[in-house]
Amino acid sequence: MTGAPAPGSVHPEVVVVGESLIDIISTVTGPVEYAGGSGLNVAFGLGRLGRATALLTVLGADQRGQAIRQHLDSAGVELLPGAVRLKRTSTAKATLDSWGAAHYTFDIEWNLPPVAPTFAPRVLHACSLATFLEPGATQVRSLLAFFNGRCLITYDPNIRPGIIGDHDKAQRTFERTASLATLVKLSDEDAAWLYPGLAIGDVARHILGLGVKAVVVTAGAEGANLYSDLDHVSVPAPAVTVADTVGAGDSFMASIIASLLECPEQDFDRQQLERLGTVAAAAAAITVTRHGANPPTAAELDEALALSV
């Protein structure tokens, strides 16, 4: 993607573009900090699944930034050059409701380092605040436009209404970004915010009309719906005891990307949609049984899928 690789190194299969931050979660015993941010979580999830992954992001040269670097290292995720450029690492204060769902207050800066592409990954993923907050959002769209047609592009808007601002402007931004993607994944809450009053199926068909080949809409414990021009499938969510939902959507997204890498033909027919949804739902189910954004390893996911047969 950017910068020369080290001698003998192999280019990553996936490049994720997105925010990295520290989640500060309030608990009964006091605040607990985890490495987080949608971009970081997806990259980390892919690393856990054994996929060669690089992350294009920004951090601070501080203790929290160091914690993020160590977190990525633990999953074998490459941090692309120029990431350490902020005065301090961004944060998100999270409070959990009675269902374990997290609600965030952000303190974030998003401004990408200069990018000079030197290779094309198999999949380029963009997500969340990184596609809405300027000046970085314009840089992200330029990068997606450059790679449009050169590789698979996936996109998860992961809407945060409290920080992305005006609805109409955000909707236009979403559609400009989505039109560059092969696959778009969003939650039912994202869909309802972007297109109030519109049924989920109609939202998916609208997004497909932007030129997207597949649309995935997640609904937590209600499972997920996957759409293409060829078919529509509904996938149930495995029944589990929820610790919290932090990182569940990002784990789902990481699994989708990993599955795309395993299938060279992107027909998005019924069989492929069912496979994408079933594996991703299993990955998210494992994640919600654990505190923080703690996605499964490849071995854990394989075991869960074997038990579900």
C-alpha atoms as a PDB file:
ATOM      1  CA  MET A   1       0.000   0.000   0.000  1.00  0.00           C
ATOM      2  CA  THR A   2       2.583   2.553   1.063  1.00  0.00           C
ATOM      3  CA  GLY A   3       6.307   2.469   1.674  1.00  0.00           C
ATOM      4  CA  ALA A   4       8.806  -0.131   0.517  1.00  0.00           C
ATOM      5  CA  PRO A   5       8.555  -3.587   2.092  1.00  0.00           C
ATOM      6  CA  ALA A   6      11.460  -5.037   3.992  1.00  0.00           C
ATOM      7  CA  PRO A   7      13.683  -7.448   2.066  1.00  0.00           C
ATOM      8  CA  GLY A   8      11.991 -10.849   1.845  1.00  0.00           C
ATOM      9  CA  SER A   9       8.678  -9.572   3.173  1.00  0.00           C
ATOM     10  CA  VAL A  10       5.309 -10.456   1.687  1.00  0.00           C
ATOM     11  CA  HIS A  11       2.654  -7.872   0.968  1.00  0.00           C
ATOM     12  CA  PRO A  12      -0.406  -8.157   3.220  1.00  0.00           C
ATOM     13  CA  GLU A  13      -3.575  -9.688   1.805  1.00  0.00           C
ATOM     14  CA  VAL A  14      -5.727  -7.042   3.459  1.00  0.00           C
ATOM     15  CA  VAL A  15      -5.224  -3.364   4.190  1.00  0.00           C
ATOM     16  CA  VAL A  16      -7.634  -1.843   6.691  1.00  0.00           C
ATOM     17  CA  VAL A  17      -8.069   1.934   6.791  1.00  0.00           C
ATOM     18  CA  GLY A  18      -9.638   3.205   9.973  1.00  0.00           C
ATOM     19  CA  GLU A  19      -9.351   4.735  13.385  1.00  0.00           C
ATOM     20  CA  SER A  20      -7.371   3.318  16.300  1.00  0.00           C
ATOM     21  CA  LEU A  21      -8.145   4.485  19.801  1.00  0.00           C
ATOM     22  CA  ILE A  22      -8.425   3.435  23.401  1.00  0.00           C
ATOM     23  CA  ASP A  23     -11.850   2.363  24.655  1.00  0.00           C
ATOM     24  CA  ILE A  24     -12.293   3.489  28.261  1.00  0.00           C
ATOM     25  CA  ILE A  25     -15.087   1.315  29.656  1.00  0.00           C
ATOM     26  CA  SER A  26     -16.792   2.166  32.931  1.00  0.00           C
ATOM     27  CA  THR A  27     -17.230  -0.823  35.250  1.00  0.00           C
ATOM     28  CA  VAL A  28     -18.340  -1.266  38.859  1.00  0.00           C
ATOM     29  CA  THR A  29     -14.683  -1.482  39.873  1.00  0.00           C
ATOM     30  CA  GLY A  30     -13.619   1.564  37.857  1.00  0.00           C
ATOM     31  CA  PRO A  31     -12.572   2.369  34.268  1.00  0.00           C
ATOM     32  CA  VAL A  32     -10.858  -0.303  32.199  1.00  0.00           C
ATOM     33  CA  GLU A  33      -8.931   0.494  29.015  1.00  0.00           C
ATOM     34  CA  TYR A  34      -8.841  -1.616  25.866  1.00  0.00           C
ATOM     35  CA  ALA A  35      -7.306  -1.023  22.449  1.00  0.00           C
ATOM     36  CA  GLY A  36     -10.220  -0.303  20.121  1.00  0.00           C
ATOM     37  CA  GLY A  37     -11.628   1.624  17.205  1.00  0.00           C
ATOM     38  CA  SER A  38     -13.392  -0.033  14.299  1.00  0.00           C
ATOM     39  CA  GLY A  39     -10.359  -0.074  12.012  1.00  0.00           C
ATOM     40  CA  LEU A  40      -8.075  -1.507  14.656  1.00  0.00           C
ATOM     41  CA  ASN A  41     -10.663  -4.112  15.698  1.00  0.00           C
ATOM     42  CA  VAL A  42     -11.198  -5.370  12.150  1.00  0.00           C
ATOM     43  CA  ALA A  43      -7.453  -5.567  11.493  1.00  0.00           C
ATOM     44  CA  PHE A  44      -6.888  -7.330  14.818  1.00  0.00           C
ATOM     45  CA  GLY A  45      -9.721  -9.762  14.056  1.00  0.00           C
ATOM     46  CA  LEU A  46      -8.192 -10.594  10.688  1.00  0.00           C
ATOM     47  CA  GLY A  47      -4.813 -11.137  12.300  1.00  0.00           C
ATOM     48  CA  ARG A  48      -6.409 -13.512  14.812  1.00  0.00           C
ATOM     49  CA  LEU A  49      -7.910 -15.414  11.876  1.00  0.00           C
ATOM     50  CA  GLY A  50      -4.446 -15.884  10.404  1.00  0.00           C
ATOM     51  CA  ARG A  51      -4.733 -13.351   7.588  1.00  0.00           C
ATOM     52  CA  ALA A  52      -1.773 -11.170   6.595  1.00  0.00           C
ATOM     53  CA  THR A  53      -3.120  -7.740   7.458  1.00  0.00           C
ATOM     54  CA  ALA A  54      -1.857  -4.163   7.586  1.00  0.00           C
ATOM     55  CA  LEU A  55      -3.519  -1.167   9.222  1.00  0.00           C
ATOM     56  CA  LEU A  56      -3.408   2.402   7.915  1.00  0.00           C
ATOM     57  CA  THR A  57      -4.247   4.576  10.909  1.00  0.00           C
ATOM     58  CA  VAL A  58      -2.975   7.316  13.235  1.00  0.00           C
ATOM     59  CA  LEU A  59      -1.778   7.172  16.844  1.00  0.00           C
ATOM     60  CA  GLY A  60      -0.122   9.322  19.434  1.00  0.00           C
ATOM     61  CA  ALA A  61       3.476   8.925  20.595  1.00  0.00           C
ATOM     62  CA  ASP A  62       2.219   8.167  24.098  1.00  0.00           C
ATOM     63  CA  GLN A  63       1.593   5.236  26.415  1.00  0.00           C
ATOM     64  CA  ARG A  64      -1.819   4.546  24.909  1.00  0.00           C
ATOM     65  CA  GLY A  65      -0.333   4.538  21.422  1.00  0.00           C
ATOM     66  CA  GLN A  66       2.286   2.059  22.598  1.00  0.00           C
ATOM     67  CA  ALA A  67      -0.472  -0.148  24.025  1.00  0.00           C
ATOM     68  CA  ILE A  68      -2.160  -0.147  20.610  1.00  0.00           C
ATOM     69  CA  ARG A  69       1.085  -1.070  18.845  1.00  0.00           C
ATOM     70  CA  GLN A  70       1.607  -3.972  21.239  1.00  0.00           C
ATOM     71  CA  HIS A  71      -1.985  -5.090  20.753  1.00  0.00           C
ATOM     72  CA  LEU A  72      -1.567  -5.177  16.970  1.00  0.00           C
ATOM     73  CA  ASP A  73       1.775  -6.970  17.285  1.00  0.00           C
ATOM     74  CA  SER A  74       0.115  -9.718  19.332  1.00  0.00           C
ATOM     75  CA  ALA A  75      -2.058 -10.588  16.315  1.00  0.00           C
ATOM     76  CA  GLY A  76       0.703 -10.130  13.738  1.00  0.00           C
ATOM     77  CA  VAL A  77      -0.879  -7.002  12.232  1.00  0.00           C
ATOM     78  CA  GLU A  78       1.485  -4.632  10.402  1.00  0.00           C
ATOM     79  CA  LEU A  79       1.196  -0.938  11.238  1.00  0.00           C
ATOM     80  CA  LEU A  80       1.796   1.018   8.034  1.00  0.00           C
ATOM     81  CA  PRO A  81       4.351   3.866   8.080  1.00  0.00           C
ATOM     82  CA  GLY A  82       3.464   7.334   9.360  1.00  0.00           C
ATOM     83  CA  ALA A  83       0.900   6.198  11.922  1.00  0.00           C
ATOM     84  CA  VAL A  84       2.504   7.894  14.915  1.00  0.00           C
ATOM     85  CA  ARG A  85       1.585  11.504  14.147  1.00  0.00           C
ATOM     86  CA  LEU A  86      -0.840  12.716  16.840  1.00  0.00           C
ATOM     87  CA  LYS A  87      -0.044  14.613  20.030  1.00  0.00           C
ATOM     88  CA  ARG A  88      -2.105  12.049  21.920  1.00  0.00           C
ATOM     89  CA  THR A  89      -3.931   8.863  21.056  1.00  0.00           C
ATOM     90  CA  SER A  90      -7.676   9.196  20.520  1.00  0.00           C
ATOM     91  CA  THR A  91     -10.108   7.765  23.073  1.00  0.00           C
ATOM     92  CA  ALA A  92     -13.722   6.644  23.333  1.00  0.00           C
ATOM     93  CA  LYS A  93     -15.431   6.543  26.720  1.00  0.00           C
ATOM     94  CA  ALA A  94     -17.925   3.693  26.724  1.00  0.00           C
ATOM     95  CA  THR A  95     -20.807   2.957  29.063  1.00  0.00           C
ATOM     96  CA  LEU A  96     -22.587  -0.402  28.927  1.00  0.00           C
ATOM     97  CA  ASP A  97     -26.344  -0.730  29.229  1.00  0.00           C
ATOM     98  CA  SER A  98     -28.165  -3.660  30.859  1.00  0.00           C
ATOM     99  CA  TRP A  99     -27.838  -5.687  27.647  1.00  0.00           C
ATOM    100  CA  GLY A 100     -24.066  -5.191  27.439  1.00  0.00           C
ATOM    101  CA  ALA A 101     -24.358  -2.765  24.516  1.00  0.00           C
ATOM    102  CA  ALA A 102     -21.791   0.046  24.507  1.00  0.00           C
ATOM    103  CA  HIS A 103     -22.565   3.746  24.087  1.00  0.00           C
ATOM    104  CA  TYR A 104     -19.577   5.969  23.253  1.00  0.00           C
ATOM    105  CA  THR A 105     -18.316   9.497  23.766  1.00  0.00           C
ATOM    106  CA  PHE A 106     -15.369  10.220  21.471  1.00  0.00           C
ATOM    107  CA  ASP A 107     -12.256  12.359  21.706  1.00  0.00           C
ATOM    108  CA  ILE A 108     -10.744  11.698  18.297  1.00  0.00           C
ATOM    109  CA  GLU A 109      -8.517  13.239  15.646  1.00  0.00           C
ATOM    110  CA  TRP A 110      -8.371  11.750  12.149  1.00  0.00           C
ATOM    111  CA  ASN A 111      -5.758  12.866   9.637  1.00  0.00           C
ATOM    112  CA  LEU A 112      -3.997  10.227   7.585  1.00  0.00           C
ATOM    113  CA  PRO A 113      -0.302  10.282   6.715  1.00  0.00           C
ATOM    114  CA  PRO A 114       0.538  10.792   3.029  1.00  0.00           C
ATOM    115  CA  VAL A 115      -0.131   7.590   1.085  1.00  0.00           C
ATOM    116  CA  ALA A 116       1.850   6.541  -1.992  1.00  0.00           C
ATOM    117  CA  PRO A 117       0.476   3.135  -3.087  1.00  0.00           C
ATOM    118  CA  THR A 118       3.162   0.645  -4.086  1.00  0.00           C
ATOM    119  CA  PHE A 119       1.056  -2.541  -4.201  1.00  0.00           C
ATOM    120  CA  ALA A 120      -2.581  -3.608  -4.340  1.00  0.00           C
ATOM    121  CA  PRO A 121      -3.943  -5.753  -1.510  1.00  0.00           C
ATOM    122  CA  ARG A 122      -6.518  -8.435  -2.272  1.00  0.00           C
ATOM    123  CA  VAL A 123      -9.006  -6.585  -0.058  1.00  0.00           C
ATOM    124  CA  LEU A 124      -9.072  -2.944   1.015  1.00  0.00           C
ATOM    125  CA  HIS A 125     -11.421  -2.230   3.927  1.00  0.00           C
ATOM    126  CA  ALA A 126     -12.604   1.193   5.117  1.00  0.00           C
ATOM    127  CA  CYS A 127     -14.796   1.815   8.104  1.00  0.00           C
ATOM    128  CA  SER A 128     -16.576   3.983  10.588  1.00  0.00           C
ATOM    129  CA  LEU A 129     -15.485   7.456  11.672  1.00  0.00           C
ATOM    130  CA  ALA A 130     -12.520   7.333   9.309  1.00  0.00           C
ATOM    131  CA  THR A 131     -14.914   7.738   6.384  1.00  0.00           C
ATOM    132  CA  PHE A 132     -16.775  10.720   7.890  1.00  0.00           C
ATOM    133  CA  LEU A 133     -14.312  12.832   9.901  1.00  0.00           C
ATOM    134  CA  GLU A 134     -12.228  15.347   7.987  1.00  0.00           C
ATOM    135  CA  PRO A 135      -9.580  15.842   6.843  1.00  0.00           C
ATOM    136  CA  GLY A 136      -8.964  12.096   6.843  1.00  0.00           C
ATOM    137  CA  ALA A 137     -12.298  11.115   5.259  1.00  0.00           C
ATOM    138  CA  THR A 138     -11.419  12.806   1.963  1.00  0.00           C
ATOM    139  CA  GLN A 139      -8.084  10.974   1.984  1.00  0.00           C
ATOM    140  CA  VAL A 140      -9.875   7.667   2.532  1.00  0.00           C
ATOM    141  CA  ARG A 141     -12.262   8.216  -0.386  1.00  0.00           C
ATOM    142  CA  SER A 142      -9.353   9.142  -2.646  1.00  0.00           C
ATOM    143  CA  LEU A 143      -7.641   5.904  -1.687  1.00  0.00           C
ATOM    144  CA  LEU A 144     -10.773   3.859  -2.365  1.00  0.00           C
ATOM    145  CA  ALA A 145     -11.223   5.580  -5.723  1.00  0.00           C
ATOM    146  CA  PHE A 146      -7.624   4.750  -6.668  1.00  0.00           C
ATOM    147  CA  PHE A 147      -8.105   1.052  -5.858  1.00  0.00           C
ATOM    148  CA  ASN A 148     -11.629   0.775  -7.267  1.00  0.00           C
ATOM    149  CA  GLY A 149     -11.445  -2.019  -9.851  1.00  0.00           C
ATOM    150  CA  ARG A 150      -7.967  -3.043  -8.684  1.00  0.00           C
ATOM    151  CA  CYS A 151      -9.066  -5.100  -5.658  1.00  0.00           C
ATOM    152  CA  LEU A 152     -12.093  -5.992  -3.578  1.00  0.00           C
ATOM    153  CA  ILE A 153     -13.257  -3.087  -1.425  1.00  0.00           C
ATOM    154  CA  THR A 154     -15.365  -3.545   1.701  1.00  0.00           C
ATOM    155  CA  TYR A 155     -17.010  -0.810   3.747  1.00  0.00           C
ATOM    156  CA  ASP A 156     -18.724  -0.606   7.147  1.00  0.00           C
ATOM    157  CA  PRO A 157     -20.038   2.881   8.047  1.00  0.00           C
ATOM    158  CA  ASN A 158     -20.551   1.936  11.720  1.00  0.00           C
ATOM    159  CA  ILE A 159     -22.603   5.101  12.228  1.00  0.00           C
ATOM    160  CA  ARG A 160     -21.938   7.251  15.324  1.00  0.00           C
ATOM    161  CA  PRO A 161     -24.654   9.935  15.170  1.00  0.00           C
ATOM    162  CA  GLY A 162     -23.217  11.988  18.030  1.00  0.00           C
ATOM    163  CA  ILE A 163     -19.994  12.764  16.180  1.00  0.00           C
ATOM    164  CA  ILE A 164     -20.594  12.576  12.417  1.00  0.00           C
ATOM    165  CA  GLY A 165     -22.957  15.557  12.380  1.00  0.00           C
ATOM    166  CA  ASP A 166     -25.654  16.532   9.886  1.00  0.00           C
ATOM    167  CA  HIS A 167     -27.761  13.618   8.672  1.00  0.00           C
ATOM    168  CA  ASP A 168     -28.118  14.646   5.029  1.00  0.00           C
ATOM    169  CA  LYS A 169     -24.418  15.366   4.685  1.00  0.00           C
ATOM    170  CA  ALA A 170     -23.543  12.053   6.349  1.00  0.00           C
ATOM    171  CA  GLN A 171     -25.918  10.192   4.033  1.00  0.00           C
ATOM    172  CA  ARG A 172     -24.272  11.760   0.976  1.00  0.00           C
ATOM    173  CA  THR A 173     -20.849  10.872   2.344  1.00  0.00           C
ATOM    174  CA  PHE A 174     -21.961   7.299   2.988  1.00  0.00           C
ATOM    175  CA  GLU A 175     -23.302   6.918  -0.545  1.00  0.00           C
ATOM    176  CA  ARG A 176     -20.191   8.369  -2.174  1.00  0.00           C
ATOM    177  CA  THR A 177     -18.062   5.935  -0.188  1.00  0.00           C
ATOM    178  CA  ALA A 178     -20.383   2.946  -0.651  1.00  0.00           C
ATOM    179  CA  SER A 179     -20.438   3.450  -4.426  1.00  0.00           C
ATOM    180  CA  LEU A 180     -16.725   2.579  -4.453  1.00  0.00           C
ATOM    181  CA  ALA A 181     -17.199  -0.689  -2.548  1.00  0.00           C
ATOM    182  CA  THR A 182     -17.738  -4.302  -3.570  1.00  0.00           C
ATOM    183  CA  LEU A 183     -19.477  -5.199  -0.297  1.00  0.00           C
ATOM    184  CA  VAL A 184     -21.104  -2.940   2.299  1.00  0.00           C
ATOM    185  CA  LYS A 185     -21.881  -4.152   5.804  1.00  0.00           C
ATOM    186  CA  LEU A 186     -24.023  -2.099   8.185  1.00  0.00           C
ATOM    187  CA  SER A 187     -26.156  -2.704  11.251  1.00  0.00           C
ATOM    188  CA  ASP A 188     -29.932  -2.375  11.349  1.00  0.00           C
ATOM    189  CA  GLU A 189     -29.391   0.719  13.532  1.00  0.00           C
ATOM    190  CA  ASP A 190     -27.074   2.198  10.880  1.00  0.00           C
ATOM    191  CA  ALA A 191     -29.687   1.520   8.211  1.00  0.00           C
ATOM    192  CA  ALA A 192     -32.479   3.092  10.277  1.00  0.00           C
ATOM    193  CA  TRP A 193     -30.419   6.221  10.931  1.00  0.00           C
ATOM    194  CA  LEU A 194     -29.279   6.627   7.336  1.00  0.00           C
ATOM    195  CA  TYR A 195     -32.690   5.898   5.807  1.00  0.00           C
ATOM    196  CA  PRO A 196     -35.385   6.523   8.429  1.00  0.00           C
ATOM    197  CA  GLY A 197     -38.727   4.877   7.698  1.00  0.00           C
ATOM    198  CA  LEU A 198     -37.306   2.617   4.999  1.00  0.00           C
ATOM    199  CA  ALA A 199     -37.555  -1.173   5.426  1.00  0.00           C
ATOM    200  CA  ILE A 200     -34.250  -3.052   5.711  1.00  0.00           C
ATOM    201  CA  GLY A 201     -34.751  -4.813   2.387  1.00  0.00           C
ATOM    202  CA  ASP A 202     -35.421  -1.511   0.647  1.00  0.00           C
ATOM    203  CA  VAL A 203     -32.281  -0.013   2.211  1.00  0.00           C
ATOM    204  CA  ALA A 204     -30.247  -2.954   0.909  1.00  0.00           C
ATOM    205  CA  ARG A 205     -31.716  -2.644  -2.579  1.00  0.00           C
ATOM    206  CA  HIS A 206     -30.982   1.081  -2.595  1.00  0.00           C
ATOM    207  CA  ILE A 207     -27.337   0.433  -1.690  1.00  0.00           C
ATOM    208  CA  LEU A 208     -27.070  -2.302  -4.338  1.00  0.00           C
ATOM    209  CA  GLY A 209     -28.312   0.317  -6.779  1.00  0.00           C
ATOM    210  CA  LEU A 210     -25.191   2.368  -6.032  1.00  0.00           C
ATOM    211  CA  GLY A 211     -23.134  -0.342  -7.755  1.00  0.00           C
ATOM    212  CA  VAL A 212     -22.381  -2.454  -4.693  1.00  0.00           C
ATOM    213  CA  LYS A 213     -22.362  -6.239  -5.304  1.00  0.00           C
ATOM    214  CA  ALA A 214     -23.388  -7.382  -1.814  1.00  0.00           C
ATOM    215  CA  VAL A 215     -24.999  -5.755   1.218  1.00  0.00           C
ATOM    216  CA  VAL A 216     -24.958  -7.251   4.703  1.00  0.00           C
ATOM    217  CA  VAL A 217     -27.269  -5.935   7.429  1.00  0.00           C
ATOM    218  CA  THR A 218     -26.664  -7.213  10.967  1.00  0.00           C
ATOM    219  CA  ALA A 219     -29.269  -7.197  13.726  1.00  0.00           C
ATOM    220  CA  GLY A 220     -27.465  -8.426  16.833  1.00  0.00           C
ATOM    221  CA  ALA A 221     -29.214 -11.393  18.438  1.00  0.00           C
ATOM    222  CA  GLU A 222     -31.676 -11.426  15.531  1.00  0.00           C
ATOM    223  CA  GLY A 223     -28.942 -12.506  13.118  1.00  0.00           C
ATOM    224  CA  ALA A 224     -28.151 -10.942   9.756  1.00  0.00           C
ATOM    225  CA  ASN A 225     -29.572 -10.490   6.261  1.00  0.00           C
ATOM    226  CA  LEU A 226     -27.365 -10.674   3.193  1.00  0.00           C
ATOM    227  CA  TYR A 227     -28.405  -9.326  -0.192  1.00  0.00           C
ATOM    228  CA  SER A 228     -27.103  -9.341  -3.741  1.00  0.00           C
ATOM    229  CA  ASP A 229     -28.725  -8.898  -7.126  1.00  0.00           C
ATOM    230  CA  LEU A 230     -28.973 -12.703  -7.243  1.00  0.00           C
ATOM    231  CA  ASP A 231     -30.487 -13.562  -3.864  1.00  0.00           C
ATOM    232  CA  HIS A 232     -31.318 -12.705  -0.255  1.00  0.00           C
ATOM    233  CA  VAL A 233     -30.600 -14.921   2.744  1.00  0.00           C
ATOM    234  CA  SER A 234     -31.283 -14.610   6.471  1.00  0.00           C
ATOM    235  CA  VAL A 235     -28.769 -16.065   8.908  1.00  0.00           C
ATOM    236  CA  PRO A 236     -29.599 -16.621  12.603  1.00  0.00           C
ATOM    237  CA  ALA A 237     -27.270 -15.593  15.409  1.00  0.00           C
ATOM    238  CA  PRO A 238     -26.059 -18.415  17.676  1.00  0.00           C
ATOM    239  CA  ALA A 239     -27.619 -18.330  21.158  1.00  0.00           C
ATOM    240  CA  VAL A 240     -24.929 -17.320  23.672  1.00  0.00           C
ATOM    241  CA  THR A 241     -24.576 -15.604  27.036  1.00  0.00           C
ATOM    242  CA  VAL A 242     -23.500 -12.018  26.354  1.00  0.00           C
ATOM    243  CA  ALA A 243     -20.695 -10.410  28.366  1.00  0.00           C
ATOM    244  CA  ASP A 244     -20.780  -7.250  26.243  1.00  0.00           C
ATOM    245  CA  THR A 245     -21.177  -6.367  22.582  1.00  0.00           C
ATOM    246  CA  VAL A 246     -17.942  -4.376  22.207  1.00  0.00           C
ATOM    247  CA  GLY A 247     -16.303  -5.262  18.893  1.00  0.00           C
ATOM    248  CA  ALA A 248     -18.989  -7.739  17.803  1.00  0.00           C
ATOM    249  CA  GLY A 249     -19.737  -5.934  14.534  1.00  0.00           C
ATOM    250  CA  ASP A 250     -16.038  -5.588  13.795  1.00  0.00           C
ATOM    251  CA  SER A 251     -15.494  -9.298  14.431  1.00  0.00           C
ATOM    252  CA  PHE A 252     -18.375 -10.031  12.043  1.00  0.00           C
ATOM    253  CA  MET A 253     -16.731  -7.790   9.439  1.00  0.00           C
ATOM    254  CA  ALA A 254     -13.300  -9.378   9.880  1.00  0.00           C
ATOM    255  CA  SER A 255     -14.828 -12.798   9.299  1.00  0.00           C
ATOM    256  CA  ILE A 256     -16.600 -11.586   6.146  1.00  0.00           C
ATOM    257  CA  ILE A 257     -13.286 -10.360   4.755  1.00  0.00           C
ATOM    258  CA  ALA A 258     -11.482 -13.575   5.700  1.00  0.00           C
ATOM    259  CA  SER A 259     -14.190 -15.599   3.940  1.00  0.00           C
ATOM    260  CA  LEU A 260     -13.917 -13.430   0.827  1.00  0.00           C
ATOM    261  CA  LEU A 261     -10.217 -14.235   0.667  1.00  0.00           C
ATOM    262  CA  GLU A 262     -11.040 -17.949   0.575  1.00  0.00           C
ATOM    263  CA  CYS A 263     -13.364 -17.629  -2.424  1.00  0.00           C
ATOM    264  CA  PRO A 264     -11.752 -16.296  -5.624  1.00  0.00           C
ATOM    265  CA  GLU A 265     -15.109 -16.047  -7.456  1.00  0.00           C
ATOM    266  CA  GLN A 266     -17.294 -13.257  -6.061  1.00  0.00           C
ATOM    267  CA  ASP A 267     -20.675 -14.302  -7.435  1.00  0.00           C
ATOM    268  CA  PHE A 268     -22.565 -13.564  -4.200  1.00  0.00           C
ATOM    269  CA  ASP A 269     -25.066 -16.290  -4.998  1.00  0.00           C
ATOM    270  CA  ARG A 270     -27.174 -17.973  -2.314  1.00  0.00           C
ATOM    271  CA  GLN A 271     -24.475 -20.453  -1.312  1.00  0.00           C
ATOM    272  CA  GLN A 272     -21.813 -17.794  -0.905  1.00  0.00           C
ATOM    273  CA  LEU A 273     -24.107 -15.426   0.989  1.00  0.00           C
ATOM    274  CA  GLU A 274     -25.083 -18.223   3.402  1.00  0.00           C
ATOM    275  CA  ARG A 275     -21.443 -19.132   3.979  1.00  0.00           C
ATOM    276  CA  LEU A 276     -20.398 -15.524   4.554  1.00  0.00           C
ATOM    277  CA  GLY A 277     -23.222 -14.925   7.027  1.00  0.00           C
ATOM    278  CA  THR A 278     -22.953 -18.193   8.940  1.00  0.00           C
ATOM    279  CA  VAL A 279     -19.213 -17.922   9.566  1.00  0.00           C
ATOM    280  CA  ALA A 280     -19.421 -14.231  10.477  1.00  0.00           C
ATOM    281  CA  ALA A 281     -22.319 -14.817  12.892  1.00  0.00           C
ATOM    282  CA  ALA A 282     -20.285 -17.515  14.638  1.00  0.00           C
ATOM    283  CA  ALA A 283     -17.306 -15.155  14.964  1.00  0.00           C
ATOM    284  CA  ALA A 284     -19.449 -12.385  16.438  1.00  0.00           C
ATOM    285  CA  ALA A 285     -21.097 -14.831  18.851  1.00  0.00           C
ATOM    286  CA  ILE A 286     -17.729 -15.824  20.271  1.00  0.00           C
ATOM    287  CA  THR A 287     -16.751 -12.186  20.669  1.00  0.00           C
ATOM    288  CA  VAL A 288     -19.831 -11.192  22.691  1.00  0.00           C
ATOM    289  CA  THR A 289     -19.193 -13.923  25.251  1.00  0.00           C
ATOM    290  CA  ARG A 290     -15.965 -12.121  26.245  1.00  0.00           C
ATOM    291  CA  HIS A 291     -15.322  -8.629  27.568  1.00  0.00           C
ATOM    292  CA  GLY A 292     -13.911  -6.021  25.194  1.00  0.00           C
ATOM    293  CA  ALA A 293     -13.114  -6.430  21.510  1.00  0.00           C
ATOM    294  CA  ASN A 294     -11.723  -9.944  21.839  1.00  0.00           C
ATOM    295  CA  PRO A 295     -12.372 -11.757  18.527  1.00  0.00           C
ATOM    296  CA  PRO A 296     -11.798 -15.469  17.941  1.00  0.00           C
ATOM    297  CA  THR A 297      -8.710 -17.141  16.614  1.00  0.00           C
ATOM    298  CA  ALA A 298      -9.014 -19.291  13.511  1.00  0.00           C
ATOM    299  CA  ALA A 299      -8.947 -22.426  15.688  1.00  0.00           C
ATOM    300  CA  GLU A 300     -11.728 -21.121  17.954  1.00  0.00           C
ATOM    301  CA  LEU A 301     -13.898 -20.209  14.986  1.00  0.00           C
ATOM    302  CA  ASP A 302     -13.317 -23.594  13.308  1.00  0.00           C
ATOM    303  CA  GLU A 303     -14.289 -25.348  16.546  1.00  0.00           C
ATOM    304  CA  ALA A 304     -17.470 -23.308  16.924  1.00  0.00           C
ATOM    305  CA  LEU A 305     -18.475 -24.020  13.323  1.00  0.00           C
ATOM    306  CA  ALA A 306     -17.793 -27.752  13.737  1.00  0.00           C
ATOM    307  CA  LEU A 307     -19.992 -27.862  16.865  1.00  0.00           C
ATOM    308  CA  SER A 308     -22.823 -26.078  15.072  1.00  0.00           C
ATOM    309  CA  VAL A 309     -23.088 -28.686  12.311  1.00  0.00           C
END
